[in-house]
N, C-alpha and C. Protein backbone atom coordinates (compact mmCIF):
# COMPACT_ATOMS: atom_id res chain seq x y z
N LEU A 1 6.36 -67.37 -238.69
CA LEU A 1 5.93 -66.02 -238.34
C LEU A 1 6.02 -65.81 -236.83
N LEU A 2 5.62 -66.80 -236.07
CA LEU A 2 5.64 -66.63 -234.61
C LEU A 2 7.07 -66.58 -234.07
N LEU A 3 7.97 -67.38 -234.64
CA LEU A 3 9.37 -67.32 -234.20
C LEU A 3 10.00 -65.98 -234.55
N LEU A 4 9.69 -65.46 -235.72
CA LEU A 4 10.20 -64.15 -236.12
C LEU A 4 9.62 -63.06 -235.22
N THR A 5 8.36 -63.19 -234.85
CA THR A 5 7.73 -62.24 -233.94
C THR A 5 8.42 -62.25 -232.59
N ALA A 6 8.65 -63.44 -232.05
CA ALA A 6 9.32 -63.54 -230.75
C ALA A 6 10.73 -62.96 -230.81
N ALA A 7 11.45 -63.26 -231.87
CA ALA A 7 12.82 -62.74 -232.00
C ALA A 7 12.82 -61.22 -232.13
N ALA A 8 11.90 -60.67 -232.90
CA ALA A 8 11.85 -59.21 -233.07
C ALA A 8 11.49 -58.52 -231.76
N PHE A 9 10.52 -59.05 -231.03
CA PHE A 9 10.13 -58.43 -229.77
C PHE A 9 11.25 -58.53 -228.74
N HIS A 10 11.93 -59.68 -228.71
CA HIS A 10 13.05 -59.80 -227.78
C HIS A 10 14.18 -58.84 -228.13
N ALA A 11 14.43 -58.66 -229.40
CA ALA A 11 15.47 -57.72 -229.83
C ALA A 11 15.10 -56.29 -229.45
N GLU A 12 13.82 -55.94 -229.58
CA GLU A 12 13.36 -54.61 -229.17
C GLU A 12 13.59 -54.37 -227.69
N VAL A 13 13.14 -55.31 -226.88
CA VAL A 13 13.27 -55.16 -225.42
C VAL A 13 14.74 -55.14 -225.02
N GLN A 14 15.54 -55.98 -225.63
CA GLN A 14 16.98 -56.01 -225.32
C GLN A 14 17.63 -54.69 -225.68
N ALA A 15 17.28 -54.12 -226.82
CA ALA A 15 17.86 -52.84 -227.23
C ALA A 15 17.48 -51.73 -226.26
N VAL A 16 16.22 -51.69 -225.87
CA VAL A 16 15.78 -50.65 -224.92
C VAL A 16 16.50 -50.81 -223.59
N ASN A 17 16.63 -52.04 -223.12
CA ASN A 17 17.33 -52.28 -221.85
C ASN A 17 18.82 -51.97 -221.96
N ALA A 18 19.42 -52.30 -223.08
CA ALA A 18 20.86 -52.03 -223.25
C ALA A 18 21.13 -50.54 -223.34
N LEU A 19 20.23 -49.81 -223.98
CA LEU A 19 20.43 -48.37 -224.14
C LEU A 19 20.12 -47.59 -222.87
N LEU A 20 19.06 -47.98 -222.16
CA LEU A 20 18.58 -47.18 -221.04
C LEU A 20 18.88 -47.77 -219.67
N GLY A 21 19.32 -49.00 -219.61
CA GLY A 21 19.59 -49.62 -218.32
C GLY A 21 18.29 -49.97 -217.61
N PRO A 22 18.27 -49.91 -216.27
CA PRO A 22 17.06 -50.26 -215.52
C PRO A 22 15.80 -49.48 -215.92
N PRO A 23 15.88 -48.18 -216.23
CA PRO A 23 14.65 -47.50 -216.68
C PRO A 23 14.11 -48.07 -217.99
N GLY A 24 14.93 -48.81 -218.71
CA GLY A 24 14.48 -49.43 -219.96
C GLY A 24 13.37 -50.43 -219.75
N ARG A 25 13.30 -51.02 -218.58
CA ARG A 25 12.22 -51.97 -218.30
C ARG A 25 10.87 -51.26 -218.30
N VAL A 26 10.83 -50.07 -217.73
CA VAL A 26 9.59 -49.30 -217.71
C VAL A 26 9.22 -48.87 -219.13
N VAL A 27 10.22 -48.44 -219.89
CA VAL A 27 9.98 -48.03 -221.28
C VAL A 27 9.49 -49.22 -222.10
N ALA A 28 10.07 -50.40 -221.88
CA ALA A 28 9.63 -51.59 -222.61
C ALA A 28 8.18 -51.93 -222.28
N LEU A 29 7.79 -51.79 -221.02
CA LEU A 29 6.40 -52.03 -220.64
C LEU A 29 5.47 -51.01 -221.28
N ALA A 30 5.92 -49.75 -221.33
CA ALA A 30 5.10 -48.72 -221.98
C ALA A 30 4.93 -49.02 -223.47
N LEU A 31 6.02 -49.46 -224.13
CA LEU A 31 5.91 -49.84 -225.54
C LEU A 31 4.96 -51.02 -225.73
N LEU A 32 5.01 -51.97 -224.81
CA LEU A 32 4.10 -53.12 -224.88
C LEU A 32 2.65 -52.66 -224.76
N MET A 33 2.38 -51.77 -223.81
CA MET A 33 1.01 -51.28 -223.64
C MET A 33 0.53 -50.53 -224.89
N LEU A 34 1.41 -49.72 -225.47
CA LEU A 34 1.04 -49.01 -226.70
C LEU A 34 0.74 -49.98 -227.83
N GLN A 35 1.54 -51.04 -227.93
CA GLN A 35 1.33 -52.01 -229.00
C GLN A 35 0.03 -52.79 -228.79
N LEU A 36 -0.25 -53.16 -227.55
CA LEU A 36 -1.47 -53.92 -227.28
C LEU A 36 -2.72 -53.11 -227.57
N THR A 37 -2.67 -51.81 -227.26
CA THR A 37 -3.86 -50.98 -227.47
C THR A 37 -4.03 -50.55 -228.92
N SER A 38 -2.96 -50.58 -229.70
CA SER A 38 -3.07 -50.10 -231.08
C SER A 38 -2.96 -51.21 -232.12
N ALA A 39 -2.92 -52.46 -231.71
CA ALA A 39 -2.73 -53.56 -232.66
C ALA A 39 -4.02 -54.03 -233.32
N ALA A 40 -5.16 -53.60 -232.82
CA ALA A 40 -6.46 -54.02 -233.36
C ALA A 40 -6.66 -55.52 -233.20
N GLY A 41 -6.13 -56.07 -232.13
CA GLY A 41 -6.29 -57.50 -231.88
C GLY A 41 -7.62 -57.83 -231.25
N THR A 42 -8.11 -56.97 -230.39
CA THR A 42 -9.37 -57.21 -229.70
C THR A 42 -10.53 -56.50 -230.38
N TYR A 43 -10.32 -55.23 -230.66
CA TYR A 43 -11.34 -54.40 -231.31
C TYR A 43 -10.76 -53.81 -232.59
N PRO A 44 -11.59 -53.51 -233.56
CA PRO A 44 -11.08 -52.87 -234.78
C PRO A 44 -10.41 -51.54 -234.45
N ILE A 45 -9.37 -51.22 -235.18
CA ILE A 45 -8.60 -50.00 -234.92
C ILE A 45 -9.47 -48.76 -235.13
N GLU A 46 -10.50 -48.87 -235.93
CA GLU A 46 -11.38 -47.73 -236.19
C GLU A 46 -12.15 -47.30 -234.95
N THR A 47 -12.29 -48.19 -233.97
CA THR A 47 -12.99 -47.83 -232.74
C THR A 47 -12.06 -47.23 -231.69
N SER A 48 -10.78 -47.19 -231.98
CA SER A 48 -9.80 -46.62 -231.05
C SER A 48 -9.66 -45.12 -231.28
N PRO A 49 -9.16 -44.40 -230.27
CA PRO A 49 -8.91 -42.97 -230.45
C PRO A 49 -7.89 -42.72 -231.57
N GLY A 50 -7.88 -41.50 -232.07
CA GLY A 50 -7.03 -41.14 -233.19
C GLY A 50 -5.56 -41.38 -232.96
N PHE A 51 -5.11 -41.17 -231.70
CA PHE A 51 -3.69 -41.39 -231.38
C PHE A 51 -3.27 -42.82 -231.69
N PHE A 52 -4.09 -43.78 -231.27
CA PHE A 52 -3.75 -45.19 -231.49
C PHE A 52 -3.86 -45.56 -232.97
N GLN A 53 -4.79 -44.94 -233.68
CA GLN A 53 -4.88 -45.18 -235.12
C GLN A 53 -3.65 -44.65 -235.84
N THR A 54 -3.08 -43.56 -235.32
CA THR A 54 -1.90 -42.97 -235.95
C THR A 54 -0.66 -43.83 -235.74
N ILE A 55 -0.47 -44.35 -234.53
CA ILE A 55 0.75 -45.11 -234.25
C ILE A 55 0.65 -46.58 -234.66
N SER A 56 -0.54 -47.05 -234.95
CA SER A 56 -0.73 -48.47 -235.27
C SER A 56 0.15 -48.98 -236.40
N PRO A 57 0.26 -48.30 -237.54
CA PRO A 57 1.10 -48.86 -238.61
C PRO A 57 2.59 -48.83 -238.31
N TRP A 58 3.00 -48.08 -237.30
CA TRP A 58 4.43 -47.94 -236.99
C TRP A 58 4.90 -48.94 -235.95
N LEU A 59 4.01 -49.72 -235.39
CA LEU A 59 4.37 -50.69 -234.35
C LEU A 59 4.23 -52.11 -234.91
N PRO A 60 5.14 -53.01 -234.54
CA PRO A 60 5.15 -54.34 -235.16
C PRO A 60 3.97 -55.22 -234.79
N MET A 61 3.36 -55.03 -233.64
CA MET A 61 2.30 -55.95 -233.24
C MET A 61 1.08 -55.85 -234.16
N SER A 62 0.80 -54.67 -234.69
CA SER A 62 -0.33 -54.55 -235.61
C SER A 62 -0.07 -55.34 -236.90
N TRP A 63 1.19 -55.40 -237.33
CA TRP A 63 1.54 -56.20 -238.50
C TRP A 63 1.37 -57.69 -238.20
N VAL A 64 1.75 -58.09 -236.99
CA VAL A 64 1.61 -59.50 -236.61
C VAL A 64 0.15 -59.91 -236.57
N VAL A 65 -0.70 -59.05 -235.99
CA VAL A 65 -2.13 -59.36 -235.91
C VAL A 65 -2.73 -59.49 -237.31
N SER A 66 -2.37 -58.58 -238.20
CA SER A 66 -2.89 -58.65 -239.58
C SER A 66 -2.42 -59.93 -240.28
N ALA A 67 -1.16 -60.28 -240.09
CA ALA A 67 -0.62 -61.48 -240.73
C ALA A 67 -1.27 -62.75 -240.17
N LEU A 68 -1.46 -62.81 -238.87
CA LEU A 68 -2.10 -63.99 -238.28
C LEU A 68 -3.54 -64.12 -238.73
N ARG A 69 -4.24 -63.00 -238.84
CA ARG A 69 -5.61 -63.06 -239.35
C ARG A 69 -5.64 -63.61 -240.77
N ARG A 70 -4.69 -63.18 -241.59
CA ARG A 70 -4.65 -63.65 -242.97
C ARG A 70 -4.30 -65.14 -243.02
N LEU A 71 -3.38 -65.58 -242.16
CA LEU A 71 -3.02 -67.00 -242.14
C LEU A 71 -4.19 -67.87 -241.67
N ILE A 72 -4.96 -67.35 -240.72
CA ILE A 72 -6.09 -68.12 -240.21
C ILE A 72 -7.22 -68.18 -241.23
N SER A 73 -7.52 -67.04 -241.85
CA SER A 73 -8.67 -66.98 -242.75
C SER A 73 -8.34 -67.40 -244.18
N GLY A 74 -7.07 -67.40 -244.53
CA GLY A 74 -6.68 -67.78 -245.89
C GLY A 74 -6.70 -66.59 -246.83
N GLY A 75 -6.30 -66.83 -248.04
CA GLY A 75 -6.29 -65.76 -249.04
C GLY A 75 -4.88 -65.40 -249.45
N ASP A 76 -4.75 -64.22 -250.02
CA ASP A 76 -3.47 -63.72 -250.52
C ASP A 76 -2.49 -63.55 -249.36
N LEU A 77 -1.28 -64.03 -249.54
CA LEU A 77 -0.28 -63.98 -248.47
C LEU A 77 0.62 -62.75 -248.52
N THR A 78 0.25 -61.75 -249.30
CA THR A 78 1.06 -60.55 -249.40
C THR A 78 1.23 -59.87 -248.04
N VAL A 79 0.16 -59.82 -247.27
CA VAL A 79 0.21 -59.19 -245.95
C VAL A 79 1.17 -59.94 -245.04
N VAL A 80 1.19 -61.25 -245.16
CA VAL A 80 2.08 -62.07 -244.33
C VAL A 80 3.53 -61.77 -244.68
N TRP A 81 3.85 -61.69 -245.96
CA TRP A 81 5.23 -61.40 -246.36
C TRP A 81 5.63 -59.98 -245.98
N GLN A 82 4.70 -59.04 -246.06
CA GLN A 82 5.00 -57.68 -245.62
C GLN A 82 5.28 -57.66 -244.12
N ALA A 83 4.49 -58.39 -243.36
CA ALA A 83 4.70 -58.46 -241.92
C ALA A 83 6.06 -59.09 -241.60
N CYS A 84 6.43 -60.11 -242.35
CA CYS A 84 7.76 -60.72 -242.15
C CYS A 84 8.87 -59.72 -242.43
N GLY A 85 8.69 -58.90 -243.45
CA GLY A 85 9.68 -57.87 -243.75
C GLY A 85 9.78 -56.83 -242.65
N VAL A 86 8.63 -56.38 -242.15
CA VAL A 86 8.62 -55.39 -241.07
C VAL A 86 9.25 -55.98 -239.81
N LEU A 87 8.89 -57.21 -239.48
CA LEU A 87 9.47 -57.84 -238.29
C LEU A 87 10.97 -58.05 -238.45
N SER A 88 11.40 -58.40 -239.64
CA SER A 88 12.85 -58.55 -239.88
C SER A 88 13.56 -57.22 -239.69
N ALA A 89 12.94 -56.14 -240.15
CA ALA A 89 13.53 -54.81 -239.97
C ALA A 89 13.63 -54.46 -238.49
N PHE A 90 12.59 -54.75 -237.72
CA PHE A 90 12.64 -54.49 -236.28
C PHE A 90 13.68 -55.37 -235.60
N LEU A 91 13.84 -56.60 -236.05
CA LEU A 91 14.85 -57.49 -235.50
C LEU A 91 16.25 -56.94 -235.75
N VAL A 92 16.53 -56.55 -236.97
CA VAL A 92 17.85 -56.01 -237.32
C VAL A 92 18.10 -54.71 -236.57
N LEU A 93 17.09 -53.84 -236.49
CA LEU A 93 17.24 -52.57 -235.78
C LEU A 93 17.53 -52.81 -234.29
N GLY A 94 16.80 -53.74 -233.69
CA GLY A 94 17.03 -54.04 -232.28
C GLY A 94 18.42 -54.59 -232.02
N LEU A 95 18.87 -55.50 -232.88
CA LEU A 95 20.21 -56.06 -232.72
C LEU A 95 21.29 -55.00 -232.95
N ALA A 96 21.07 -54.12 -233.92
CA ALA A 96 22.04 -53.05 -234.19
C ALA A 96 22.13 -52.08 -233.02
N LEU A 97 20.98 -51.70 -232.47
CA LEU A 97 21.00 -50.78 -231.32
C LEU A 97 21.63 -51.43 -230.10
N THR A 98 21.40 -52.72 -229.91
CA THR A 98 22.04 -53.42 -228.80
C THR A 98 23.55 -53.45 -228.99
N THR A 99 24.00 -53.70 -230.21
CA THR A 99 25.43 -53.71 -230.50
C THR A 99 26.05 -52.35 -230.24
N LEU A 100 25.38 -51.29 -230.67
CA LEU A 100 25.89 -49.94 -230.42
C LEU A 100 25.96 -49.63 -228.92
N ALA A 101 24.95 -50.06 -228.18
CA ALA A 101 24.95 -49.81 -226.74
C ALA A 101 26.09 -50.56 -226.05
N VAL A 102 26.34 -51.78 -226.49
CA VAL A 102 27.43 -52.56 -225.90
C VAL A 102 28.78 -51.94 -226.24
N GLU A 103 28.94 -51.51 -227.48
CA GLU A 103 30.20 -50.85 -227.88
C GLU A 103 30.41 -49.57 -227.09
N ARG A 104 29.34 -48.81 -226.89
CA ARG A 104 29.44 -47.58 -226.11
C ARG A 104 29.84 -47.87 -224.67
N GLY A 105 29.36 -48.97 -224.14
CA GLY A 105 29.68 -49.34 -222.77
C GLY A 105 31.10 -49.85 -222.60
N ARG A 106 31.74 -50.25 -223.68
CA ARG A 106 33.11 -50.75 -223.59
C ARG A 106 34.14 -49.64 -223.49
N VAL A 107 33.77 -48.45 -223.85
CA VAL A 107 34.71 -47.33 -223.81
C VAL A 107 34.81 -46.84 -222.37
N TRP A 108 36.02 -46.88 -221.84
CA TRP A 108 36.23 -46.47 -220.46
C TRP A 108 36.86 -45.08 -220.44
N SER A 109 36.32 -44.23 -219.63
CA SER A 109 36.90 -42.89 -219.45
C SER A 109 37.58 -42.85 -218.09
N MET A 110 38.36 -41.81 -217.88
CA MET A 110 39.03 -41.67 -216.58
C MET A 110 38.00 -41.50 -215.47
N LYS A 111 36.92 -40.81 -215.77
CA LYS A 111 35.88 -40.61 -214.76
C LYS A 111 35.21 -41.94 -214.39
N ARG A 112 35.05 -42.81 -215.38
CA ARG A 112 34.44 -44.11 -215.11
C ARG A 112 35.42 -45.02 -214.36
N LEU A 113 36.71 -44.90 -214.67
CA LEU A 113 37.71 -45.71 -213.98
C LEU A 113 37.93 -45.24 -212.54
N HIS A 114 37.92 -43.95 -212.35
CA HIS A 114 38.16 -43.37 -211.03
C HIS A 114 37.01 -42.46 -210.66
N PRO A 115 35.89 -43.02 -210.20
CA PRO A 115 34.76 -42.16 -209.84
C PRO A 115 35.09 -41.34 -208.59
N GLU A 116 34.44 -40.19 -208.50
CA GLU A 116 34.66 -39.34 -207.34
C GLU A 116 34.06 -40.01 -206.11
N LEU A 117 34.75 -39.87 -205.01
CA LEU A 117 34.24 -40.41 -203.76
C LEU A 117 33.34 -39.37 -203.11
N SER A 118 32.21 -39.81 -202.66
CA SER A 118 31.33 -38.89 -201.93
C SER A 118 31.16 -39.41 -200.52
N LEU A 119 31.38 -38.53 -199.59
CA LEU A 119 31.29 -38.91 -198.19
C LEU A 119 30.06 -38.36 -197.55
């Protein structure tokens, strides 16, 4: 689970950086902050504002926190398998977006080959 989590998060950050370039670093940090505040890792999600409760199921870190809690406490592993599925989807999506960004960057236009000179 932890290796899949690391791979999915790296794929997300790589995709954002490949698509947006240097501003992607800021966007990746913003996504990290949103995930940390809405994952219910420190406090129950019910104590968070409504915005964070709304985005919590759509971000992978909340799935990881739920799966780790289930692995630590024991019980039915359905949540763990669901989290693995969600993380796999984020991994594939991140790799696909990175591939698209790289393909887009390989196309050279005349403007890119011969940029205008500014004096």
